[in-house]
């Protein structure tokens, strides 16, 4: 029962945060910095119970802790904190990609990489055009978008290439939801998409994304 406490606390914190998004934004802000540390603690508890590769586990925990840093920084509306928060999430994505890609991207030939990068670049170009991003933010947001595309690509390759279908499906769905959540943030920031429950949907899809990446990640880290 003790080993399950972190996940119970994480679920409770998620429910409180989501409820705060609907009725009390200040409460949601108070709880938000605790979400990813609780998820990381849940991952560690699962690793102790089921055994996990330490190097892979480090990458998974690091990604979640950078998510915590990003969550905390984005609580401020100041541009410097917004930019720093996006940078923290970018580093978190790189840790995720390092964990997933060391298996899924291994052995892809140069032509495959060229075609894949062209497709990913095209998708980022369309997204940037849709969001009407320009000026000083254009290059940083394009880099961030390519990182998200690479996260999706690394999980999709694993889903298509390996027999661990459930694990890679969880990771692929997590990457898609993360991209959707971040796209909604950008759409709101640049006043392209606005609707009443946008903040709630952003947080719901973000929490689902991080949870799926954590579940799939711990399955990937378990010692064979």
Protein backbone atom coordinates (compact mmCIF):
# COMPACT_ATOMS: atom_id res chain seq x y z
CA UNK A 1 0.00 0.00 0.00
CA UNK A 2 2.86 2.39 0.85
CA UNK A 3 4.30 2.01 -2.66
CA UNK A 4 0.96 3.11 -4.12
CA UNK A 5 0.78 6.33 -2.13
CA UNK A 6 2.65 8.47 -4.71
CA UNK A 7 0.24 7.52 -7.51
CA UNK A 8 -2.76 8.13 -5.22
CA UNK A 9 -1.39 11.55 -4.30
CA UNK A 10 -0.71 12.25 -7.99
CA UNK A 11 -4.27 11.34 -8.99
CA UNK A 12 -5.65 13.49 -6.16
CA UNK A 13 -3.45 16.44 -7.19
CA UNK A 14 -4.59 16.06 -10.82
CA UNK A 15 -8.25 16.13 -9.78
CA UNK A 16 -7.70 19.19 -7.59
CA UNK A 17 -5.83 20.98 -10.38
CA UNK A 18 -8.51 20.19 -12.96
CA UNK A 19 -11.26 21.27 -10.58
CA UNK A 20 -9.32 24.48 -9.98
CA UNK A 21 -9.18 25.09 -13.74
CA UNK A 22 -12.97 25.12 -13.72
CA UNK A 23 -13.77 26.94 -10.49
CA UNK A 24 -10.64 28.30 -8.77
CA UNK A 25 -7.58 29.19 -10.90
CA UNK A 26 -5.53 30.13 -7.82
CA UNK A 27 -5.99 26.62 -6.38
CA UNK A 28 -4.89 25.12 -9.70
CA UNK A 29 -1.74 27.26 -9.61
CA UNK A 30 -0.90 26.17 -6.08
CA UNK A 31 -1.16 22.48 -6.94
CA UNK A 32 0.50 22.61 -10.37
CA UNK A 33 4.20 22.55 -9.27
CA UNK A 34 3.57 19.35 -7.27
CA UNK A 35 2.15 17.35 -10.19
CA UNK A 36 5.32 16.18 -11.94
CA UNK A 37 7.30 15.44 -8.74
CA UNK A 38 4.40 13.23 -7.63
CA UNK A 39 4.42 11.51 -11.03
CA UNK A 40 8.20 11.03 -10.77
CA UNK A 41 7.75 9.55 -7.29
CA UNK A 42 5.12 7.18 -8.73
CA UNK A 43 7.57 6.11 -11.43
CA UNK A 44 10.28 5.47 -8.84
CA UNK A 45 7.88 3.40 -6.75
CA UNK A 46 6.98 1.32 -9.81
CA UNK A 47 10.68 0.93 -10.65
CA UNK A 48 11.48 -0.35 -7.16
CA UNK A 49 8.61 -2.83 -7.36
CA UNK A 50 9.24 -4.10 -10.88
CA UNK A 51 12.94 -3.41 -11.44
CA UNK A 52 14.21 -0.97 -14.06
CA UNK A 53 17.32 -0.04 -15.98
CA UNK A 54 18.89 2.82 -14.00
CA UNK A 55 20.21 4.75 -16.98
CA UNK A 56 16.85 4.65 -18.73
CA UNK A 57 15.04 5.48 -15.49
CA UNK A 58 17.26 8.56 -15.06
CA UNK A 59 16.16 9.88 -18.48
CA UNK A 60 12.49 9.34 -17.63
CA UNK A 61 12.73 11.05 -14.22
CA UNK A 62 14.77 13.93 -15.67
CA UNK A 63 12.10 14.54 -18.33
CA UNK A 64 9.40 14.73 -15.67
CA UNK A 65 11.40 17.04 -13.41
CA UNK A 66 12.05 19.43 -16.28
CA UNK A 67 8.30 19.28 -16.81
CA UNK A 68 7.92 20.43 -13.19
CA UNK A 69 10.29 23.32 -13.86
CA UNK A 70 8.32 24.27 -16.96
CA UNK A 71 5.01 24.07 -15.06
CA UNK A 72 6.35 26.36 -12.35
CA UNK A 73 7.85 28.93 -14.71
CA UNK A 74 4.69 29.12 -16.82
CA UNK A 75 2.69 30.18 -13.77
CA UNK A 76 4.03 33.68 -14.47
CA UNK A 77 2.76 35.74 -17.38
CA UNK A 78 6.11 37.53 -17.76
CA UNK A 79 7.82 36.87 -21.10
CA UNK A 80 11.13 35.81 -19.55
CA UNK A 81 9.38 33.15 -17.47
CA UNK A 82 7.31 32.02 -20.46
CA UNK A 83 10.46 31.63 -22.58
CA UNK A 84 12.29 29.84 -19.75
CA UNK A 85 9.34 27.52 -19.23
CA UNK A 86 9.28 26.57 -22.91
CA UNK A 87 13.04 25.95 -22.68
CA UNK A 88 12.52 23.66 -19.69
CA UNK A 89 9.90 21.65 -21.57
CA UNK A 90 12.19 21.44 -24.60
CA UNK A 91 14.92 19.90 -22.43
CA UNK A 92 12.34 17.52 -20.99
CA UNK A 93 11.36 16.44 -24.50
CA UNK A 94 15.02 15.82 -25.33
CA UNK A 95 15.29 13.47 -22.36
CA UNK A 96 12.16 11.64 -23.54
CA UNK A 97 13.57 11.39 -27.06
CA UNK A 98 16.88 10.10 -25.69
CA UNK A 99 14.99 7.37 -23.80
CA UNK A 100 12.69 6.30 -26.64
CA UNK A 101 14.94 7.02 -29.59
CA UNK A 102 17.91 4.98 -28.42
CA UNK A 103 15.82 1.94 -29.40
CA UNK A 104 13.31 3.12 -31.98
CA UNK A 105 15.57 5.33 -34.12
CA UNK A 106 18.50 2.92 -34.23
CA UNK A 107 19.30 1.65 -37.71
CA UNK A 108 17.22 4.13 -39.74
CA UNK A 109 19.03 4.75 -43.03
CA UNK A 110 20.02 8.25 -44.22
CA UNK A 111 17.25 8.42 -46.84
CA UNK A 112 14.69 7.55 -44.18
CA UNK A 113 16.00 10.38 -42.02
CA UNK A 114 15.92 12.87 -44.90
CA UNK A 115 12.32 12.02 -45.81
CA UNK A 116 11.23 12.04 -42.17
CA UNK A 117 12.85 15.41 -41.47
CA UNK A 118 11.21 16.88 -44.58
CA UNK A 119 7.79 15.67 -43.40
CA UNK A 120 8.36 16.93 -39.84
CA UNK A 121 9.64 20.27 -41.13
CA UNK A 122 6.59 20.62 -43.37
CA UNK A 123 4.22 19.94 -40.46
CA UNK A 124 6.01 22.51 -38.30
CA UNK A 125 5.86 25.05 -41.15
CA UNK A 126 2.09 24.55 -41.47
CA UNK A 127 1.62 24.84 -37.71
CA UNK A 128 3.69 28.03 -37.52
CA UNK A 129 1.70 29.52 -40.39
CA UNK A 130 -1.60 28.55 -38.76
CA UNK A 131 -0.57 30.09 -35.44
CA UNK A 132 0.71 33.21 -37.26
CA UNK A 133 4.00 33.14 -35.35
CA UNK A 134 6.52 35.69 -36.56
CA UNK A 135 9.28 37.98 -35.37
CA UNK A 136 11.66 37.02 -32.57
CA UNK A 137 9.60 33.99 -31.54
CA UNK A 138 9.58 32.37 -34.97
CA UNK A 139 12.87 30.46 -34.75
CA UNK A 140 12.54 29.35 -31.07
CA UNK A 141 8.98 28.11 -31.65
CA UNK A 142 10.03 26.33 -34.86
CA UNK A 143 12.82 24.55 -32.95
CA UNK A 144 10.36 23.60 -30.22
CA UNK A 145 7.92 22.35 -32.85
CA UNK A 146 10.61 20.18 -34.48
CA UNK A 147 11.40 18.72 -31.06
CA UNK A 148 7.75 17.75 -30.62
CA UNK A 149 7.71 16.22 -34.11
CA UNK A 150 10.83 14.21 -33.25
CA UNK A 151 9.16 13.02 -30.05
CA UNK A 152 6.19 11.77 -32.06
CA UNK A 153 8.50 10.25 -34.68
CA UNK A 154 10.58 8.39 -32.10
CA UNK A 155 7.48 6.78 -30.56
CA UNK A 156 5.85 6.04 -33.93
CA UNK A 157 9.01 4.24 -35.09
CA UNK A 158 8.91 2.09 -31.97
CA UNK A 159 5.24 1.28 -32.55
CA UNK A 160 5.91 0.24 -36.16
CA UNK A 161 9.16 -1.64 -35.57
CA UNK A 162 8.83 -3.55 -32.28
CA UNK A 163 6.57 -6.17 -30.75
CA UNK A 164 5.90 -4.21 -27.54
CA UNK A 165 2.78 -2.74 -29.13
CA UNK A 166 1.05 -1.67 -25.90
CA UNK A 167 4.16 0.09 -24.60
CA UNK A 168 4.80 1.99 -27.82
CA UNK A 169 1.10 2.78 -28.31
CA UNK A 170 1.04 4.43 -24.88
CA UNK A 171 4.16 6.42 -25.74
CA UNK A 172 2.83 7.43 -29.17
CA UNK A 173 -0.50 8.61 -27.74
CA UNK A 174 1.35 10.49 -25.01
CA UNK A 175 3.48 12.29 -27.60
CA UNK A 176 0.40 13.19 -29.66
CA UNK A 177 -1.47 14.54 -26.63
CA UNK A 178 1.58 16.54 -25.52
CA UNK A 179 1.76 18.13 -28.96
CA UNK A 180 -1.98 18.87 -28.94
CA UNK A 181 -1.76 20.47 -25.49
CA UNK A 182 1.24 22.61 -26.43
CA UNK A 183 -0.45 23.64 -29.69
CA UNK A 184 -3.48 24.86 -27.73
CA UNK A 185 -1.17 26.89 -25.48
CA UNK A 186 0.46 28.48 -28.53
CA UNK A 187 -2.90 29.05 -30.21
CA UNK A 188 -4.14 30.91 -27.15
CA UNK A 189 -0.92 32.85 -26.70
CA UNK A 190 -1.13 34.17 -30.26
CA UNK A 191 -4.93 34.64 -30.09
CA UNK A 192 -5.66 32.17 -32.88
CA UNK A 193 -7.90 29.82 -30.88
CA UNK A 194 -9.89 30.87 -27.82
CA UNK A 195 -12.76 29.07 -26.10
CA UNK A 196 -14.16 28.96 -22.60
CA UNK A 197 -12.68 25.64 -21.44
CA UNK A 198 -9.33 26.03 -23.22
CA UNK A 199 -7.25 26.06 -20.00
CA UNK A 200 -9.06 22.98 -18.71
CA UNK A 201 -8.54 21.09 -21.98
CA UNK A 202 -4.85 22.09 -22.06
CA UNK A 203 -4.28 20.73 -18.57
CA UNK A 204 -6.36 17.58 -19.08
CA UNK A 205 -4.49 16.61 -22.25
CA UNK A 206 -1.14 17.56 -20.67
CA UNK A 207 -1.75 15.36 -17.63
CA UNK A 208 -2.91 12.48 -19.81
CA UNK A 209 0.17 12.93 -21.99
CA UNK A 210 2.63 12.90 -19.10
CA UNK A 211 0.84 9.93 -17.52
CA UNK A 212 0.94 7.89 -20.73
CA UNK A 213 4.60 8.73 -21.26
CA UNK A 214 5.33 7.71 -17.67
CA UNK A 215 3.46 4.39 -17.94
CA UNK A 216 5.00 3.57 -21.30
CA UNK A 217 8.40 4.79 -20.12
CA UNK A 218 8.46 2.59 -17.02
CA UNK A 219 7.42 -0.41 -19.13
CA UNK A 220 10.32 0.40 -21.45
CA UNK A 221 12.75 0.75 -18.53
CA UNK A 222 11.93 -2.56 -16.91
CA UNK A 223 14.73 -5.06 -17.06
CA UNK A 224 14.14 -7.79 -19.58
